[in-house]
C-alpha atoms as a PDB file:
ATOM      1  CA  UNK A   1      -0.072  -0.081   0.086  1.00  0.00           C
ATOM      2  CA  UNK A   2       2.627   2.412   1.071  1.00  0.00           C
ATOM      3  CA  UNK A   3       4.608   1.355  -2.559  1.00  0.00           C
ATOM      4  CA  UNK A   4       1.489   2.599  -4.541  1.00  0.00           C
ATOM      5  CA  UNK A   5       1.081   5.967  -2.567  1.00  0.00           C
ATOM      6  CA  UNK A   6       4.697   6.687  -3.132  1.00  0.00           C
ATOM      7  CA  UNK A   7       4.445   5.937  -6.721  1.00  0.00           C
ATOM      8  CA  UNK A   8       1.371   7.926  -6.847  1.00  0.00           C
ATOM      9  CA  UNK A   9       3.206  10.831  -5.594  1.00  0.00           C
ATOM     10  CA  UNK A  10       5.946  10.435  -7.790  1.00  0.00           C
ATOM     11  CA  UNK A  11       3.968  10.197 -10.988  1.00  0.00           C
ATOM     12  CA  UNK A  12       2.281  13.477  -9.921  1.00  0.00           C
ATOM     13  CA  UNK A  13       5.355  15.664  -9.208  1.00  0.00           C
ATOM     14  CA  UNK A  14       6.839  15.725 -12.981  1.00  0.00           C
ATOM     15  CA  UNK A  15       3.603  16.851 -14.430  1.00  0.00           C
ATOM     16  CA  UNK A  16       3.211  19.324 -11.545  1.00  0.00           C
ATOM     17  CA  UNK A  17       6.542  20.467 -12.187  1.00  0.00           C
ATOM     18  CA  UNK A  18       6.046  20.764 -16.070  1.00  0.00           C
ATOM     19  CA  UNK A  19       2.749  22.788 -15.690  1.00  0.00           C
ATOM     20  CA  UNK A  20       4.774  25.120 -13.177  1.00  0.00           C
ATOM     21  CA  UNK A  21       7.785  25.519 -15.464  1.00  0.00           C
ATOM     22  CA  UNK A  22       5.347  26.054 -18.562  1.00  0.00           C
ATOM     23  CA  UNK A  23       3.463  28.727 -16.360  1.00  0.00           C
ATOM     24  CA  UNK A  24       6.567  30.739 -15.663  1.00  0.00           C
ATOM     25  CA  UNK A  25       7.984  30.633 -19.061  1.00  0.00           C
ATOM     26  CA  UNK A  26       4.537  32.345 -20.373  1.00  0.00           C
ATOM     27  CA  UNK A  27       4.773  34.690 -17.773  1.00  0.00           C
ATOM     28  CA  UNK A  28       8.393  35.638 -18.677  1.00  0.00           C
ATOM     29  CA  UNK A  29       7.530  35.870 -22.150  1.00  0.00           C
ATOM     30  CA  UNK A  30       4.564  37.928 -21.454  1.00  0.00           C
ATOM     31  CA  UNK A  31       6.722  40.417 -19.468  1.00  0.00           C
ATOM     32  CA  UNK A  32       9.426  40.504 -22.282  1.00  0.00           C
ATOM     33  CA  UNK A  33       6.575  41.305 -24.883  1.00  0.00           C
ATOM     34  CA  UNK A  34       5.128  43.931 -22.783  1.00  0.00           C
ATOM     35  CA  UNK A  35       8.284  45.795 -22.136  1.00  0.00           C
ATOM     36  CA  UNK A  36       9.103  45.808 -25.937  1.00  0.00           C
ATOM     37  CA  UNK A  37       6.076  47.065 -26.559  1.00  0.00           C
ATOM     38  CA  UNK A  38       6.198  49.860 -24.262  1.00  0.00           C
ATOM     39  CA  UNK A  39       9.493  50.885 -25.742  1.00  0.00           C
ATOM     40  CA  UNK A  40       8.144  51.012 -29.196  1.00  0.00           C
ATOM     41  CA  UNK A  41       5.087  52.850 -28.166  1.00  0.00           C
ATOM     42  CA  UNK A  42       7.232  55.513 -26.522  1.00  0.00           C
ATOM     43  CA  UNK A  43       9.328  55.907 -29.429  1.00  0.00           C
ATOM     44  CA  UNK A  44       6.045  57.098 -31.911  1.00  0.00           C
ATOM     45  CA  UNK A  45       5.368  60.910 -31.685  1.00  0.00           C
ATOM     46  CA  UNK A  46       2.190  61.877 -29.881  1.00  0.00           C
ATOM     47  CA  UNK A  47      -0.863  62.958 -32.061  1.00  0.00           C
ATOM     48  CA  UNK A  48      -2.136  66.283 -31.806  1.00  0.00           C
ATOM     49  CA  UNK A  49      -4.251  67.041 -29.079  1.00  0.00           C
ATOM     50  CA  UNK A  50      -8.040  66.915 -29.500  1.00  0.00           C
ATOM     51  CA  UNK A  51     -10.194  70.200 -28.720  1.00  0.00           C
ATOM     52  CA  UNK A  52     -11.443  70.163 -25.398  1.00  0.00           C
ATOM     53  CA  UNK A  53     -14.983  69.053 -24.573  1.00  0.00           C
ATOM     54  CA  UNK A  54     -17.618  71.478 -23.682  1.00  0.00           C
ATOM     55  CA  UNK A  55     -18.251  71.756 -20.003  1.00  0.00           C
ATOM     56  CA  UNK A  56     -21.113  69.455 -18.927  1.00  0.00           C
ATOM     57  CA  UNK A  57     -24.050  70.812 -18.394  1.00  0.00           C
ATOM     58  CA  UNK A  58     -26.224  70.119 -15.087  1.00  0.00           C
ATOM     59  CA  UNK A  59     -29.839  68.708 -15.501  1.00  0.00           C
ATOM     60  CA  UNK A  60     -31.216  71.295 -12.995  1.00  0.00           C
ATOM     61  CA  UNK A  61     -29.832  74.636 -12.805  1.00  0.00           C
ATOM     62  CA  UNK A  62     -28.620  75.471  -9.499  1.00  0.00           C
ATOM     63  CA  UNK A  63     -29.489  79.204  -9.477  1.00  0.00           C
ATOM     64  CA  UNK A  64     -27.574  81.323  -7.028  1.00  0.00           C
ATOM     65  CA  UNK A  65     -25.645  79.432  -4.445  1.00  0.00           C
ATOM     66  CA  UNK A  66     -25.442  80.708  -0.596  1.00  0.00           C
ATOM     67  CA  UNK A  67     -21.935  80.444  -0.010  1.00  0.00           C
ATOM     68  CA  UNK A  68     -22.443  81.813   3.614  1.00  0.00           C
ATOM     69  CA  UNK A  69     -24.935  79.175   4.350  1.00  0.00           C
ATOM     70  CA  UNK A  70     -22.711  76.453   3.006  1.00  0.00           C
ATOM     71  CA  UNK A  71     -19.897  77.725   5.295  1.00  0.00           C
ATOM     72  CA  UNK A  72     -22.149  77.733   8.153  1.00  0.00           C
ATOM     73  CA  UNK A  73     -23.383  74.293   7.535  1.00  0.00           C
ATOM     74  CA  UNK A  74     -20.005  73.137   7.534  1.00  0.00           C
ATOM     75  CA  UNK A  75     -18.704  74.816  10.808  1.00  0.00           C
ATOM     76  CA  UNK A  76     -21.967  73.444  12.398  1.00  0.00           C
ATOM     77  CA  UNK A  77     -21.122  69.995  11.268  1.00  0.00           C
ATOM     78  CA  UNK A  78     -17.630  70.041  12.318  1.00  0.00           C
ATOM     79  CA  UNK A  79     -18.046  69.754  16.078  1.00  0.00           C
ATOM     80  CA  UNK A  80     -19.942  66.527  15.502  1.00  0.00           C
ATOM     81  CA  UNK A  81     -17.069  64.921  13.258  1.00  0.00           C
ATOM     82  CA  UNK A  82     -14.207  66.069  15.331  1.00  0.00           C
ATOM     83  CA  UNK A  83     -15.825  65.217  18.743  1.00  0.00           C
ATOM     84  CA  UNK A  84     -15.880  61.320  18.340  1.00  0.00           C
ATOM     85  CA  UNK A  85     -12.400  61.558  17.151  1.00  0.00           C
ATOM     86  CA  UNK A  86     -11.004  63.568  20.198  1.00  0.00           C
ATOM     87  CA  UNK A  87     -12.688  61.216  22.646  1.00  0.00           C
ATOM     88  CA  UNK A  88     -12.134  57.786  20.947  1.00  0.00           C
ATOM     89  CA  UNK A  89      -9.897  55.520  23.115  1.00  0.00           C
ATOM     90  CA  UNK A  90      -6.403  55.130  21.664  1.00  0.00           C
ATOM     91  CA  UNK A  91      -5.444  51.763  22.769  1.00  0.00           C
ATOM     92  CA  UNK A  92      -8.457  49.062  22.568  1.00  0.00           C
ATOM     93  CA  UNK A  93      -6.723  46.762  24.532  1.00  0.00           C
ATOM     94  CA  UNK A  94      -6.374  49.458  27.510  1.00  0.00           C
ATOM     95  CA  UNK A  95      -7.050  48.152  31.281  1.00  0.00           C
ATOM     96  CA  UNK A  96      -6.731  44.578  30.286  1.00  0.00           C
ATOM     97  CA  UNK A  97      -4.375  42.110  31.263  1.00  0.00           C
ATOM     98  CA  UNK A  98      -3.179  41.831  27.722  1.00  0.00           C
ATOM     99  CA  UNK A  99      -2.276  45.180  26.955  1.00  0.00           C
ATOM    100  CA  UNK A 100       1.427  45.023  25.032  1.00  0.00           C
ATOM    101  CA  UNK A 101       1.722  48.964  25.774  1.00  0.00           C
ATOM    102  CA  UNK A 102       1.460  48.611  29.453  1.00  0.00           C
ATOM    103  CA  UNK A 103       5.536  48.217  29.737  1.00  0.00           C
ATOM    104  CA  UNK A 104       6.607  51.000  31.440  1.00  0.00           C
ATOM    105  CA  UNK A 105      10.761  51.114  32.202  1.00  0.00           C
ATOM    106  CA  UNK A 106      12.162  53.073  34.886  1.00  0.00           C
ATOM    107  CA  UNK A 107      15.621  53.292  36.697  1.00  0.00           C
ATOM    108  CA  UNK A 108      17.387  55.106  39.352  1.00  0.00           C
ATOM    109  CA  UNK A 109      21.052  55.957  39.703  1.00  0.00           C
ATOM    110  CA  UNK A 110      22.353  56.674  43.255  1.00  0.00           C
ATOM    111  CA  UNK A 111      20.575  59.442  44.884  1.00  0.00           C
ATOM    112  CA  UNK A 112      19.046  60.905  41.655  1.00  0.00           C
ATOM    113  CA  UNK A 113      15.325  61.105  40.985  1.00  0.00           C
ATOM    114  CA  UNK A 114      14.040  57.874  39.440  1.00  0.00           C
ATOM    115  CA  UNK A 115      13.318  58.165  35.511  1.00  0.00           C
ATOM    116  CA  UNK A 116      10.582  56.079  34.275  1.00  0.00           C
ATOM    117  CA  UNK A 117       8.467  55.838  30.843  1.00  0.00           C
ATOM    118  CA  UNK A 118       5.360  55.836  32.425  1.00  0.00           C
ATOM    119  CA  UNK A 119       4.616  59.244  32.216  1.00  0.00           C
ATOM    120  CA  UNK A 120       4.516  58.474  28.389  1.00  0.00           C
ATOM    121  CA  UNK A 121       2.859  55.351  28.469  1.00  0.00           C
ATOM    122  CA  UNK A 122       0.208  55.835  31.180  1.00  0.00           C
ATOM    123  CA  UNK A 123      -2.165  57.853  29.437  1.00  0.00           C
ATOM    124  CA  UNK A 124      -2.758  55.601  26.591  1.00  0.00           C
ATOM    125  CA  UNK A 125      -2.677  52.437  28.760  1.00  0.00           C
ATOM    126  CA  UNK A 126      -5.064  53.633  31.123  1.00  0.00           C
ATOM    127  CA  UNK A 127      -7.659  54.264  28.332  1.00  0.00           C
ATOM    128  CA  UNK A 128      -6.788  57.786  27.553  1.00  0.00           C
ATOM    129  CA  UNK A 129      -7.672  59.732  24.480  1.00  0.00           C
ATOM    130  CA  UNK A 130      -6.180  62.388  22.285  1.00  0.00           C
ATOM    131  CA  UNK A 131      -6.879  65.208  24.958  1.00  0.00           C
ATOM    132  CA  UNK A 132      -5.295  62.950  27.694  1.00  0.00           C
ATOM    133  CA  UNK A 133      -1.930  62.885  25.789  1.00  0.00           C
ATOM    134  CA  UNK A 134       0.897  65.336  27.353  1.00  0.00           C
ATOM    135  CA  UNK A 135       1.647  67.024  24.142  1.00  0.00           C
ATOM    136  CA  UNK A 136      -1.142  66.324  21.573  1.00  0.00           C
ATOM    137  CA  UNK A 137      -3.708  67.068  24.212  1.00  0.00           C
ATOM    138  CA  UNK A 138      -3.260  71.010  24.249  1.00  0.00           C
ATOM    139  CA  UNK A 139      -3.373  70.904  20.587  1.00  0.00           C
ATOM    140  CA  UNK A 140      -6.684  68.862  20.494  1.00  0.00           C
ATOM    141  CA  UNK A 141      -8.261  71.762  22.436  1.00  0.00           C
ATOM    142  CA  UNK A 142      -8.262  74.058  19.371  1.00  0.00           C
ATOM    143  CA  UNK A 143     -10.512  71.446  17.469  1.00  0.00           C
ATOM    144  CA  UNK A 144     -14.248  71.864  18.221  1.00  0.00           C
ATOM    145  CA  UNK A 145     -16.300  69.223  19.634  1.00  0.00           C
END
């Protein structure tokens, strides 16, 4: 039984290899022909530019646009767009036991004050938002929302 399976597997490999080689050969030939066609196409001069098409007509006339109302609508909608971004939790795994960012490192040399990375990583690992970050938080205060 084992000999039959080995013979069967051995008989499939050459056909499989042959098909793979044929496919790679065709792909290489296609790439070579494509590169040659691009070289000959770039050697030919470009035809004269066609005249520009007339601007498309809208099916419904817009009439007078109120630019002031459009600006007010934009500034009225801006807090609804930026508010969720400002209050979005940065680290989805914050306050969990599997948070890879919860890894503060600290050291103290002799009598000097200890130095730690916790000041930078704690706002994120405690479920902070953009507003709670040390430097970025003041800048996000300028955004509405």
